[in-house]
Amino acid sequence: MHSSFGDRMPEVVVFHPSRFEEAEWIVHNVRELKTVVVDAGAMEPTDAQRLIDFVAGGVSALDGQAECLAPLTFIFAPQLVNLRRDLGAPGS
């Protein structure tokens, strides 16, 4: 299958980090054109916020995008992926 991703199949990776040092690996996955969901809820809140801030900065530098799904849960996507928030069904 050929797509904007070349010969790769689009991939979504889910991370449940337990320490800040995993942030670099998360950014690496986005650089490799993977969409990443990060649930940092098991981390200490200050460490989780630091990790999310680092990843958001790295993804932004790659012209990627981020969306908050829940407190301390985010989705990070490479530039080739269009993230769009559902604002509800029409007429609701």
N, C-alpha and C. Protein backbone atom coordinates (compact mmCIF):
# COMPACT_ATOMS: atom_id res chain seq x y z
N MET A 1 0.85 -1.18 0.00
CA MET A 1 0.00 0.00 0.00
C MET A 1 0.89 1.23 0.00
N HIS A 2 0.63 2.16 -0.91
CA HIS A 2 1.41 3.39 -0.99
C HIS A 2 0.54 4.55 -0.50
N SER A 3 1.12 5.37 0.36
CA SER A 3 0.40 6.52 0.89
C SER A 3 1.37 7.66 1.11
N SER A 4 0.92 8.73 1.76
CA SER A 4 1.79 9.84 2.10
C SER A 4 2.92 9.40 3.01
N PHE A 5 2.77 8.24 3.63
CA PHE A 5 3.77 7.69 4.53
C PHE A 5 4.80 6.85 3.78
N GLY A 6 4.75 6.85 2.45
CA GLY A 6 5.64 6.00 1.67
C GLY A 6 5.12 4.58 1.68
N ASP A 7 6.02 3.63 1.86
CA ASP A 7 5.63 2.23 1.88
C ASP A 7 5.22 1.76 3.27
N ARG A 8 5.29 2.65 4.25
CA ARG A 8 4.92 2.29 5.62
C ARG A 8 3.41 2.35 5.82
N MET A 9 2.95 1.48 6.68
CA MET A 9 1.55 1.55 7.09
C MET A 9 1.46 2.56 8.23
N PRO A 10 0.45 3.41 8.24
CA PRO A 10 0.29 4.33 9.38
C PRO A 10 0.19 3.52 10.68
N GLU A 11 0.80 4.03 11.73
CA GLU A 11 0.86 3.30 12.98
C GLU A 11 0.53 4.22 14.14
N VAL A 12 -0.18 3.68 15.12
CA VAL A 12 -0.48 4.39 16.36
C VAL A 12 0.19 3.62 17.49
N VAL A 13 0.96 4.34 18.32
CA VAL A 13 1.67 3.73 19.44
C VAL A 13 1.12 4.34 20.72
N VAL A 14 0.87 3.52 21.72
CA VAL A 14 0.36 4.00 23.01
C VAL A 14 1.46 3.84 24.05
N PHE A 15 1.75 4.94 24.75
CA PHE A 15 2.76 4.94 25.81
C PHE A 15 2.10 5.20 27.15
N HIS A 16 2.55 4.48 28.15
CA HIS A 16 2.20 4.71 29.55
C HIS A 16 3.52 4.95 30.29
N PRO A 17 4.12 6.13 30.10
CA PRO A 17 5.45 6.35 30.67
C PRO A 17 5.43 6.34 32.20
N SER A 18 6.55 5.91 32.75
CA SER A 18 6.70 5.90 34.20
C SER A 18 7.81 6.83 34.66
N ARG A 19 8.59 7.34 33.69
CA ARG A 19 9.66 8.27 34.06
C ARG A 19 9.92 9.23 32.91
N PHE A 20 10.48 10.38 33.25
CA PHE A 20 10.71 11.45 32.28
C PHE A 20 11.61 11.00 31.13
N GLU A 21 12.55 10.14 31.40
CA GLU A 21 13.52 9.72 30.38
C GLU A 21 12.87 9.08 29.15
N GLU A 22 11.63 8.70 29.25
CA GLU A 22 10.93 8.11 28.10
C GLU A 22 10.48 9.16 27.08
N ALA A 23 10.55 10.43 27.45
CA ALA A 23 10.07 11.51 26.58
C ALA A 23 10.80 11.53 25.23
N GLU A 24 12.10 11.35 25.25
CA GLU A 24 12.87 11.38 24.00
C GLU A 24 12.42 10.27 23.05
N TRP A 25 12.14 9.09 23.59
CA TRP A 25 11.69 7.97 22.76
C TRP A 25 10.31 8.25 22.16
N ILE A 26 9.46 8.94 22.90
CA ILE A 26 8.14 9.30 22.40
C ILE A 26 8.28 10.23 21.19
N VAL A 27 9.13 11.26 21.33
CA VAL A 27 9.36 12.19 20.21
C VAL A 27 9.96 11.44 19.02
N HIS A 28 10.86 10.52 19.28
CA HIS A 28 11.47 9.72 18.21
C HIS A 28 10.39 8.99 17.40
N ASN A 29 9.40 8.44 18.07
CA ASN A 29 8.32 7.74 17.38
C ASN A 29 7.54 8.68 16.47
N VAL A 30 7.28 9.90 16.91
CA VAL A 30 6.58 10.87 16.05
C VAL A 30 7.47 11.22 14.86
N ARG A 31 8.77 11.38 15.10
CA ARG A 31 9.71 11.66 14.01
C ARG A 31 9.69 10.53 12.99
N GLU A 32 9.41 9.31 13.44
CA GLU A 32 9.31 8.15 12.56
C GLU A 32 7.92 8.02 11.93
N LEU A 33 7.14 9.09 11.98
CA LEU A 33 5.81 9.20 11.36
C LEU A 33 4.75 8.33 12.02
N LYS A 34 4.92 8.08 13.30
CA LYS A 34 3.90 7.35 14.06
C LYS A 34 3.08 8.34 14.87
N THR A 35 1.80 8.06 14.99
CA THR A 35 0.94 8.83 15.87
C THR A 35 1.06 8.20 17.25
N VAL A 36 1.21 9.03 18.28
CA VAL A 36 1.48 8.53 19.62
C VAL A 36 0.44 9.03 20.60
N VAL A 37 -0.11 8.12 21.38
CA VAL A 37 -0.99 8.46 22.50
C VAL A 37 -0.16 8.28 23.76
N VAL A 38 -0.14 9.32 24.60
CA VAL A 38 0.61 9.28 25.85
C VAL A 38 -0.36 9.44 27.01
N ASP A 39 -0.39 8.42 27.87
CA ASP A 39 -1.16 8.48 29.10
C ASP A 39 -0.15 8.53 30.24
N ALA A 40 0.11 9.73 30.75
CA ALA A 40 1.10 9.94 31.81
C ALA A 40 0.47 9.97 33.19
N GLY A 41 -0.75 9.48 33.30
CA GLY A 41 -1.48 9.52 34.55
C GLY A 41 -0.88 8.74 35.70
N ALA A 42 0.00 7.78 35.41
CA ALA A 42 0.63 7.00 36.48
C ALA A 42 1.86 7.68 37.06
N MET A 43 2.29 8.78 36.42
CA MET A 43 3.48 9.50 36.88
C MET A 43 3.09 10.53 37.94
N GLU A 44 4.10 10.97 38.69
CA GLU A 44 3.89 12.10 39.59
C GLU A 44 3.46 13.29 38.73
N PRO A 45 2.48 14.08 39.17
CA PRO A 45 1.96 15.16 38.33
C PRO A 45 3.02 16.13 37.80
N THR A 46 3.99 16.51 38.60
CA THR A 46 5.01 17.45 38.10
C THR A 46 5.89 16.79 37.04
N ASP A 47 6.24 15.52 37.23
CA ASP A 47 7.05 14.80 36.23
C ASP A 47 6.24 14.58 34.95
N ALA A 48 4.96 14.26 35.11
CA ALA A 48 4.10 14.06 33.94
C ALA A 48 3.99 15.35 33.14
N GLN A 49 3.81 16.46 33.81
CA GLN A 49 3.69 17.75 33.10
C GLN A 49 4.99 18.08 32.38
N ARG A 50 6.11 17.80 33.02
CA ARG A 50 7.42 18.04 32.41
C ARG A 50 7.58 17.17 31.16
N LEU A 51 7.19 15.91 31.23
CA LEU A 51 7.27 15.01 30.09
C LEU A 51 6.38 15.51 28.95
N ILE A 52 5.14 15.85 29.26
CA ILE A 52 4.21 16.33 28.23
C ILE A 52 4.74 17.60 27.58
N ASP A 53 5.28 18.52 28.38
CA ASP A 53 5.84 19.77 27.84
C ASP A 53 7.02 19.47 26.91
N PHE A 54 7.90 18.55 27.30
CA PHE A 54 9.05 18.20 26.47
C PHE A 54 8.59 17.59 25.15
N VAL A 55 7.67 16.64 25.23
CA VAL A 55 7.18 15.97 24.02
C VAL A 55 6.46 16.98 23.11
N ALA A 56 5.63 17.83 23.69
CA ALA A 56 4.92 18.84 22.90
C ALA A 56 5.90 19.76 22.18
N GLY A 57 6.97 20.15 22.85
CA GLY A 57 7.99 21.00 22.22
C GLY A 57 8.69 20.28 21.10
N GLY A 58 9.06 19.02 21.32
CA GLY A 58 9.73 18.25 20.28
C GLY A 58 8.84 18.02 19.08
N VAL A 59 7.60 17.70 19.33
CA VAL A 59 6.65 17.46 18.23
C VAL A 59 6.38 18.76 17.47
N SER A 60 6.29 19.86 18.17
CA SER A 60 6.10 21.16 17.52
C SER A 60 7.29 21.49 16.62
N ALA A 61 8.50 21.18 17.08
CA ALA A 61 9.71 21.42 16.27
C ALA A 61 9.69 20.58 15.00
N LEU A 62 9.00 19.46 15.01
CA LEU A 62 8.86 18.60 13.84
C LEU A 62 7.66 18.98 12.98
N ASP A 63 7.03 20.11 13.31
CA ASP A 63 5.81 20.57 12.65
C ASP A 63 4.65 19.60 12.83
N GLY A 64 4.69 18.82 13.91
CA GLY A 64 3.60 17.92 14.24
C GLY A 64 2.54 18.66 15.04
N GLN A 65 1.63 17.91 15.60
CA GLN A 65 0.54 18.52 16.35
C GLN A 65 0.19 17.69 17.56
N ALA A 66 -0.48 18.34 18.50
CA ALA A 66 -0.86 17.69 19.75
C ALA A 66 -2.29 18.05 20.10
N GLU A 67 -2.93 17.13 20.79
CA GLU A 67 -4.30 17.37 21.25
C GLU A 67 -4.44 16.71 22.61
N CYS A 68 -5.01 17.44 23.55
CA CYS A 68 -5.27 16.90 24.88
C CYS A 68 -6.55 16.08 24.82
N LEU A 69 -6.47 14.82 25.26
CA LEU A 69 -7.63 13.94 25.28
C LEU A 69 -8.29 13.91 26.65
N ALA A 70 -7.48 14.03 27.69
CA ALA A 70 -7.93 14.01 29.08
C ALA A 70 -6.77 14.54 29.90
N PRO A 71 -6.99 14.84 31.17
CA PRO A 71 -5.85 15.28 31.98
C PRO A 71 -4.70 14.27 31.90
N LEU A 72 -3.54 14.75 31.49
CA LEU A 72 -2.32 13.98 31.35
C LEU A 72 -2.39 12.88 30.29
N THR A 73 -3.35 12.98 29.38
CA THR A 73 -3.44 12.07 28.24
C THR A 73 -3.52 12.91 26.97
N PHE A 74 -2.54 12.69 26.09
CA PHE A 74 -2.42 13.49 24.88
C PHE A 74 -2.21 12.59 23.68
N ILE A 75 -2.55 13.12 22.51
CA ILE A 75 -2.20 12.46 21.25
C ILE A 75 -1.26 13.40 20.52
N PHE A 76 -0.17 12.84 20.00
CA PHE A 76 0.83 13.58 19.25
C PHE A 76 0.92 12.95 17.87
N ALA A 77 0.86 13.77 16.85
CA ALA A 77 0.83 13.25 15.49
C ALA A 77 1.86 13.96 14.61
N PRO A 78 2.42 13.23 13.65
CA PRO A 78 3.34 13.86 12.71
C PRO A 78 2.58 14.79 11.77
N GLN A 79 3.33 15.57 11.05
CA GLN A 79 2.75 16.57 10.15
C GLN A 79 1.78 15.96 9.13
N LEU A 80 2.01 14.73 8.70
CA LEU A 80 1.18 14.10 7.67
C LEU A 80 -0.20 13.67 8.16
N VAL A 81 -0.41 13.70 9.48
CA VAL A 81 -1.69 13.27 10.05
C VAL A 81 -2.50 14.50 10.40
N ASN A 82 -3.76 14.49 10.03
CA ASN A 82 -4.65 15.59 10.34
C ASN A 82 -5.45 15.25 11.60
N LEU A 83 -5.15 15.94 12.70
CA LEU A 83 -5.94 15.76 13.93
C LEU A 83 -7.10 16.75 13.89
N ARG A 84 -8.27 16.25 14.19
CA ARG A 84 -9.45 17.11 14.19
C ARG A 84 -10.32 16.72 15.37
N ARG A 85 -10.68 17.71 16.16
CA ARG A 85 -11.53 17.44 17.33
C ARG A 85 -12.98 17.41 16.90
N ASP A 86 -13.68 16.37 17.33
CA ASP A 86 -15.10 16.23 17.05
C ASP A 86 -15.84 17.18 17.98
N LEU A 87 -16.59 18.08 17.43
CA LEU A 87 -17.33 19.06 18.22
C LEU A 87 -18.76 18.63 18.50
N GLY A 88 -19.06 17.39 18.23
CA GLY A 88 -20.41 16.88 18.47
C GLY A 88 -21.16 16.65 17.18
N ALA A 89 -22.22 15.92 17.29
CA ALA A 89 -23.04 15.62 16.11
C ALA A 89 -23.80 16.88 15.69
N PRO A 90 -24.01 17.03 14.40
CA PRO A 90 -24.79 18.18 13.92
C PRO A 90 -26.18 18.20 14.56
N GLY A 91 -26.59 19.35 14.99
CA GLY A 91 -27.91 19.52 15.56
C GLY A 91 -28.01 19.15 17.02
N SER A 92 -26.88 18.77 17.66
CA SER A 92 -26.98 18.40 19.08
C SER A 92 -26.59 19.54 19.97
